[in-house]
């Protein structure tokens, strides 16, 4: 990244370049730092992961303030752009305007705004606002970003595909309106299959961010996403899903075997071809040591 380039500008360039990039998702500063150290170009702060792992709620557990406060910690930890969940904007179009302003002031590089009713739901309880209301929200978001940072990336996420009885053409009607009537920077069509994603990418002008949330399918390869014309490969729980399962397994293993489980785990970690992960190695303990030597008597 060029010296002194704003994170908003960097994220905008990532979405607009011909090659896809990977949005490694999660919910905390450690996950973001791991992604950065591993070489990922951007981090995504998931609302669902934040709600579950910070608030202890499966959905609808976060407010705008919760999200901004959490994102600020992440932004202060890494030197890669942080892209954030904005849910439904936490209210009407006026609240959306204020939310975008708060996100920009927190150092967030971009956010997605979804067309669900508030609070957002999953499964058969999902409902969406009208196209007209969502267009108004997106216009408010775009006006706010133009006032505070024109390079802040607004992604219009269409969740209509998850509403019972919704059709692919209904999703397309919304996505095309969000682009033509509100000029959202990026469109995110959450549809049912890979074939529908390919068709959506073909029909929607500008950058398109596929999201695999509805139905059951194998993830396409990065090359397939590239060939289809996707702007990014988005994995909202990339830094949390493996750790969640590993912690669950380890806790039960410890109950069965006691400290033998710890010894075996540490021995296995020491043999990792990527090295053993630790707070100090990931977060840069050496930098703190250097500062201590430089500044402390």
Protein backbone atom coordinates (compact mmCIF):
# COMPACT_ATOMS: atom_id res chain seq x y z
CA UNK A 1 0.00 0.00 0.00
CA UNK A 2 1.42 3.43 -0.90
CA UNK A 3 2.68 5.48 2.02
CA UNK A 4 -0.01 7.64 3.66
CA UNK A 5 -2.78 6.25 1.43
CA UNK A 6 -6.12 6.40 3.22
CA UNK A 7 -7.72 3.08 4.04
CA UNK A 8 -10.93 4.13 2.32
CA UNK A 9 -8.99 4.80 -0.88
CA UNK A 10 -7.22 1.46 -0.60
CA UNK A 11 -10.48 -0.47 -0.16
CA UNK A 12 -12.08 1.41 -3.05
CA UNK A 13 -9.14 0.45 -5.27
CA UNK A 14 -9.38 -3.18 -4.19
CA UNK A 15 -13.05 -3.33 -5.18
CA UNK A 16 -12.39 -1.65 -8.52
CA UNK A 17 -9.30 -3.54 -9.68
CA UNK A 18 -9.66 -6.46 -12.14
CA UNK A 19 -8.27 -9.06 -9.71
CA UNK A 20 -10.36 -10.27 -6.80
CA UNK A 21 -9.20 -9.92 -3.21
CA UNK A 22 -10.15 -11.94 -0.13
CA UNK A 23 -12.20 -10.33 2.63
CA UNK A 24 -11.14 -12.31 5.69
CA UNK A 25 -13.93 -11.97 8.23
CA UNK A 26 -14.22 -12.14 11.99
CA UNK A 27 -14.91 -9.86 14.92
CA UNK A 28 -11.85 -8.77 16.87
CA UNK A 29 -8.43 -7.17 16.71
CA UNK A 30 -6.59 -10.48 17.07
CA UNK A 31 -8.38 -11.99 14.09
CA UNK A 32 -7.70 -8.88 12.04
CA UNK A 33 -4.02 -8.89 12.99
CA UNK A 34 -3.71 -12.58 12.13
CA UNK A 35 -5.21 -11.86 8.71
CA UNK A 36 -2.80 -8.97 8.17
CA UNK A 37 0.27 -10.95 9.27
CA UNK A 38 -0.81 -13.84 7.01
CA UNK A 39 -0.91 -11.47 4.04
CA UNK A 40 -4.61 -10.74 3.51
CA UNK A 41 -5.35 -7.35 1.98
CA UNK A 42 -8.50 -6.45 3.94
CA UNK A 43 -10.48 -7.51 7.00
CA UNK A 44 -14.24 -7.74 7.48
CA UNK A 45 -15.87 -7.15 10.87
CA UNK A 46 -19.00 -9.28 10.94
CA UNK A 47 -22.08 -8.14 12.80
CA UNK A 48 -23.16 -11.73 13.43
CA UNK A 49 -19.76 -12.69 14.82
CA UNK A 50 -19.62 -9.52 16.94
CA UNK A 51 -23.09 -10.21 18.31
CA UNK A 52 -22.26 -13.83 19.14
CA UNK A 53 -18.75 -13.48 20.52
CA UNK A 54 -18.96 -10.09 22.24
CA UNK A 55 -22.63 -9.90 23.23
CA UNK A 56 -23.50 -13.60 23.58
CA UNK A 57 -26.49 -13.28 21.23
CA UNK A 58 -27.04 -15.14 17.99
CA UNK A 59 -28.53 -12.20 16.07
CA UNK A 60 -29.73 -8.66 16.51
CA UNK A 61 -27.54 -8.15 19.55
CA UNK A 62 -25.50 -5.15 18.45
CA UNK A 63 -26.23 -1.46 18.25
CA UNK A 64 -24.47 1.09 16.10
CA UNK A 65 -22.39 2.09 19.12
CA UNK A 66 -21.36 -1.51 19.79
CA UNK A 67 -20.21 -1.89 16.21
CA UNK A 68 -18.32 1.42 16.08
CA UNK A 69 -16.55 0.78 19.38
CA UNK A 70 -15.48 -2.71 18.33
CA UNK A 71 -14.37 -1.55 14.88
CA UNK A 72 -12.28 1.26 16.35
CA UNK A 73 -10.20 -1.28 18.29
CA UNK A 74 -9.65 -3.29 15.12
CA UNK A 75 -8.77 -0.24 13.00
CA UNK A 76 -6.18 0.84 15.58
CA UNK A 77 -4.51 -2.59 15.41
CA UNK A 78 -3.96 -3.14 11.69
CA UNK A 79 -2.66 -1.36 8.61
CA UNK A 80 -5.13 -2.93 6.18
CA UNK A 81 -8.63 -1.64 5.35
CA UNK A 82 -11.44 -2.71 7.66
CA UNK A 83 -14.81 -3.33 6.00
CA UNK A 84 -17.79 -3.53 8.37
CA UNK A 85 -21.31 -4.79 8.71
CA UNK A 86 -23.78 -1.90 9.04
CA UNK A 87 -26.86 -4.15 9.30
CA UNK A 88 -29.90 -2.10 8.27
CA UNK A 89 -28.37 1.21 9.34
CA UNK A 90 -29.96 1.01 12.81
CA UNK A 91 -33.06 2.94 11.85
CA UNK A 92 -34.44 4.96 8.95
CA UNK A 93 -32.50 6.95 6.35
CA UNK A 94 -31.65 9.67 8.89
CA UNK A 95 -30.00 7.10 11.16
CA UNK A 96 -28.19 5.65 8.15
CA UNK A 97 -26.66 9.06 7.44
CA UNK A 98 -25.46 9.36 11.05
CA UNK A 99 -24.15 5.78 11.05
CA UNK A 100 -22.02 6.35 7.96
CA UNK A 101 -20.63 9.51 9.57
CA UNK A 102 -19.76 7.58 12.75
CA UNK A 103 -18.18 4.73 10.77
CA UNK A 104 -15.97 7.12 8.81
CA UNK A 105 -14.86 8.93 11.96
CA UNK A 106 -13.94 5.57 13.51
CA UNK A 107 -11.56 4.86 10.63
CA UNK A 108 -13.66 2.16 8.96
CA UNK A 109 -12.98 1.94 5.22
CA UNK A 110 -16.39 0.79 4.02
CA UNK A 111 -19.62 -0.91 5.05
CA UNK A 112 -22.55 -2.87 3.68
CA UNK A 113 -26.14 -1.78 4.21
CA UNK A 114 -28.82 -4.45 3.84
CA UNK A 115 -32.44 -4.08 2.77
CA UNK A 116 -33.97 -6.13 5.59
CA UNK A 117 -36.40 -4.76 8.13
CA UNK A 118 -34.91 -3.97 11.54
CA UNK A 119 -33.77 -5.97 13.40
CA UNK A 120 -32.48 -8.29 10.67
CA UNK A 121 -33.58 -11.93 10.79
CA UNK A 122 -32.52 -15.22 9.25
CA UNK A 123 -34.51 -18.08 7.80
CA UNK A 124 -38.28 -17.87 7.16
CA UNK A 125 -38.62 -14.81 9.46
CA UNK A 126 -36.64 -12.61 7.05
CA UNK A 127 -38.47 -9.61 5.63
CA UNK A 128 -37.27 -6.67 3.50
CA UNK A 129 -38.24 -3.02 3.26
CA UNK A 130 -39.60 -1.65 0.00
CA UNK A 131 -37.28 -0.77 -2.86
CA UNK A 132 -38.18 2.89 -2.40
CA UNK A 133 -37.23 2.87 1.28
CA UNK A 134 -33.92 1.13 0.61
CA UNK A 135 -33.09 3.55 -2.20
CA UNK A 136 -33.69 6.41 0.23
CA UNK A 137 -31.38 4.80 2.78
CA UNK A 138 -28.68 4.29 0.18
CA UNK A 139 -28.96 7.89 -1.00
CA UNK A 140 -28.52 9.05 2.59
CA UNK A 141 -25.47 6.80 2.93
CA UNK A 142 -23.97 8.10 -0.30
CA UNK A 143 -24.59 11.73 0.69
CA UNK A 144 -22.94 11.17 4.06
CA UNK A 145 -19.86 9.59 2.54
CA UNK A 146 -19.55 12.35 -0.05
CA UNK A 147 -19.56 14.90 2.77
CA UNK A 148 -17.09 13.14 5.08
CA UNK A 149 -14.96 10.89 2.81
CA UNK A 150 -15.89 10.30 -0.84
CA UNK A 151 -13.72 7.16 -1.00
CA UNK A 152 -15.64 5.38 1.79
CA UNK A 153 -17.17 2.30 0.14
CA UNK A 154 -20.94 1.78 0.34
CA UNK A 155 -22.08 -1.75 -0.48
CA UNK A 156 -25.79 -2.26 -1.09
CA UNK A 157 -26.64 -5.76 0.13
CA UNK A 158 -29.85 -7.30 -1.17
CA UNK A 159 -31.20 -9.94 1.21
CA UNK A 160 -34.50 -10.33 -0.64
CA UNK A 161 -33.40 -13.74 -1.92
CA UNK A 162 -33.85 -15.12 1.59
CA UNK A 163 -37.47 -13.96 1.95
CA UNK A 164 -39.97 -16.82 1.54
CA UNK A 165 -41.43 -16.76 -1.97
CA UNK A 166 -38.83 -14.36 -3.39
CA UNK A 167 -37.60 -14.87 -6.95
CA UNK A 168 -34.26 -14.27 -8.62
CA UNK A 169 -35.84 -11.61 -10.83
CA UNK A 170 -37.10 -9.89 -7.70
CA UNK A 171 -33.54 -9.77 -6.40
CA UNK A 172 -32.32 -8.40 -9.73
CA UNK A 173 -34.98 -5.67 -9.73
CA UNK A 174 -33.74 -4.48 -6.37
CA UNK A 175 -30.04 -4.71 -7.17
CA UNK A 176 -30.40 -2.79 -10.41
CA UNK A 177 -32.46 -0.10 -8.65
CA UNK A 178 -29.84 0.26 -5.92
CA UNK A 179 -27.26 0.91 -8.62
CA UNK A 180 -29.27 3.09 -11.01
CA UNK A 181 -31.26 5.11 -8.46
CA UNK A 182 -28.77 5.42 -5.61
CA UNK A 183 -25.43 4.79 -7.36
CA UNK A 184 -24.16 2.50 -4.60
CA UNK A 185 -20.44 1.77 -5.00
CA UNK A 186 -20.80 -2.03 -4.87
CA UNK A 187 -23.82 -4.33 -5.11
CA UNK A 188 -24.11 -7.52 -3.04
CA UNK A 189 -26.80 -9.94 -4.27
CA UNK A 190 -27.35 -12.67 -1.67
CA UNK A 191 -28.88 -15.35 -3.89
CA UNK A 192 -29.55 -19.08 -3.78
CA UNK A 193 -26.93 -20.70 -5.99
CA UNK A 194 -23.62 -20.25 -7.74
CA UNK A 195 -25.41 -20.12 -11.10
CA UNK A 196 -27.55 -17.22 -9.86
CA UNK A 197 -24.44 -15.45 -8.59
CA UNK A 198 -22.79 -15.77 -11.99
CA UNK A 199 -25.89 -14.35 -13.69
CA UNK A 200 -26.16 -11.52 -11.14
CA UNK A 201 -22.53 -10.53 -11.66
CA UNK A 202 -23.13 -10.48 -15.42
CA UNK A 203 -26.22 -8.27 -15.20
CA UNK A 204 -25.26 -5.79 -12.47
CA UNK A 205 -23.02 -2.91 -13.60
CA UNK A 206 -19.92 -2.09 -11.56
CA UNK A 207 -18.30 -4.11 -8.77
CA UNK A 208 -20.36 -7.03 -7.44
CA UNK A 209 -19.69 -8.79 -4.13
CA UNK A 210 -21.23 -12.29 -4.00
CA UNK A 211 -22.47 -13.57 -0.65
CA UNK A 212 -23.33 -17.20 -0.01
CA UNK A 213 -25.96 -17.16 2.72
CA UNK A 214 -29.03 -18.91 1.31
CA UNK A 215 -29.33 -22.59 0.50
CA UNK A 216 -26.58 -25.18 0.65
CA UNK A 217 -23.75 -25.21 -1.83
CA UNK A 218 -20.04 -25.82 -2.06
CA UNK A 219 -18.01 -22.63 -2.18
CA UNK A 220 -16.65 -21.82 -5.64
CA UNK A 221 -12.90 -21.64 -5.99
CA UNK A 222 -11.12 -18.30 -6.05
CA UNK A 223 -10.39 -18.85 -9.72
CA UNK A 224 -14.08 -19.45 -10.45
CA UNK A 225 -14.93 -16.21 -8.66
CA UNK A 226 -12.26 -14.40 -10.66
CA UNK A 227 -13.51 -15.84 -13.94
CA UNK A 228 -17.11 -14.89 -13.10
CA UNK A 229 -16.09 -11.26 -12.57
CA UNK A 230 -16.63 -11.01 -8.80
CA UNK A 231 -14.92 -8.07 -7.12
CA UNK A 232 -13.95 -10.01 -3.98
CA UNK A 233 -14.13 -13.36 -2.25
CA UNK A 234 -16.01 -12.77 1.01
CA UNK A 235 -15.75 -15.12 4.00
CA UNK A 236 -17.41 -13.44 7.02
CA UNK A 237 -16.15 -15.99 9.58
CA UNK A 238 -12.74 -16.89 8.14
CA UNK A 239 -10.85 -15.97 11.34
CA UNK A 240 -13.43 -17.40 13.77
CA UNK A 241 -15.09 -20.56 12.46
CA UNK A 242 -12.08 -22.89 12.82
CA UNK A 243 -11.22 -21.50 16.25
CA UNK A 244 -14.81 -21.92 17.47
CA UNK A 245 -14.82 -25.61 16.59
CA UNK A 246 -11.28 -26.14 17.88
CA UNK A 247 -12.11 -24.57 21.25
CA UNK A 248 -15.27 -26.67 21.54
CA UNK A 249 -13.35 -29.86 20.79
CA UNK A 250 -10.47 -28.96 23.12
CA UNK A 251 -12.75 -28.18 26.08
CA UNK A 252 -14.38 -31.60 25.77
CA UNK A 253 -11.01 -33.29 25.23
CA UNK A 254 -9.73 -31.70 28.45
CA UNK A 255 -12.74 -32.98 30.37
CA UNK A 256 -11.90 -36.49 29.21
CA UNK A 257 -8.10 -36.48 29.49
CA UNK A 258 -7.13 -33.57 31.72
CA UNK A 259 -3.70 -31.98 31.26
CA UNK A 260 -2.69 -34.67 28.77
CA UNK A 261 -4.89 -32.78 26.30
CA UNK A 262 -2.86 -29.59 26.88
CA UNK A 263 0.47 -31.35 26.39
CA UNK A 264 -0.70 -32.96 23.16
CA UNK A 265 -2.11 -29.69 21.86
CA UNK A 266 1.12 -27.78 22.52
CA UNK A 267 3.21 -30.49 20.90
CA UNK A 268 0.97 -30.44 17.83
CA UNK A 269 1.11 -26.62 17.61
CA UNK A 270 4.91 -26.69 17.76
CA UNK A 271 4.91 -28.89 14.63
CA UNK A 272 2.74 -26.54 12.56
CA UNK A 273 4.36 -25.64 9.25
CA UNK A 274 3.22 -22.03 9.84
CA UNK A 275 4.67 -21.92 13.36
CA UNK A 276 2.97 -21.89 16.74
CA UNK A 277 0.56 -18.96 17.15
CA UNK A 278 0.97 -16.73 20.19
CA UNK A 279 -0.15 -13.29 21.29
CA UNK A 280 3.40 -11.98 21.12
CA UNK A 281 4.28 -13.37 17.70
CA UNK A 282 1.07 -12.12 16.08
CA UNK A 283 0.69 -8.75 17.80
CA UNK A 284 4.37 -7.81 17.64
CA UNK A 285 5.78 -8.04 21.15
CA UNK A 286 9.21 -7.12 19.78
CA UNK A 287 7.90 -3.69 18.81
CA UNK A 288 6.89 -3.04 22.43
CA UNK A 289 10.32 -4.16 23.60
CA UNK A 290 11.97 -1.75 21.16
CA UNK A 291 9.79 1.11 22.40
CA UNK A 292 10.66 0.27 25.99
CA UNK A 293 14.34 0.34 25.19
CA UNK A 294 13.94 3.65 23.39
CA UNK A 295 11.71 5.54 25.82
CA UNK A 296 11.85 4.03 29.31
CA UNK A 297 14.68 4.84 31.76
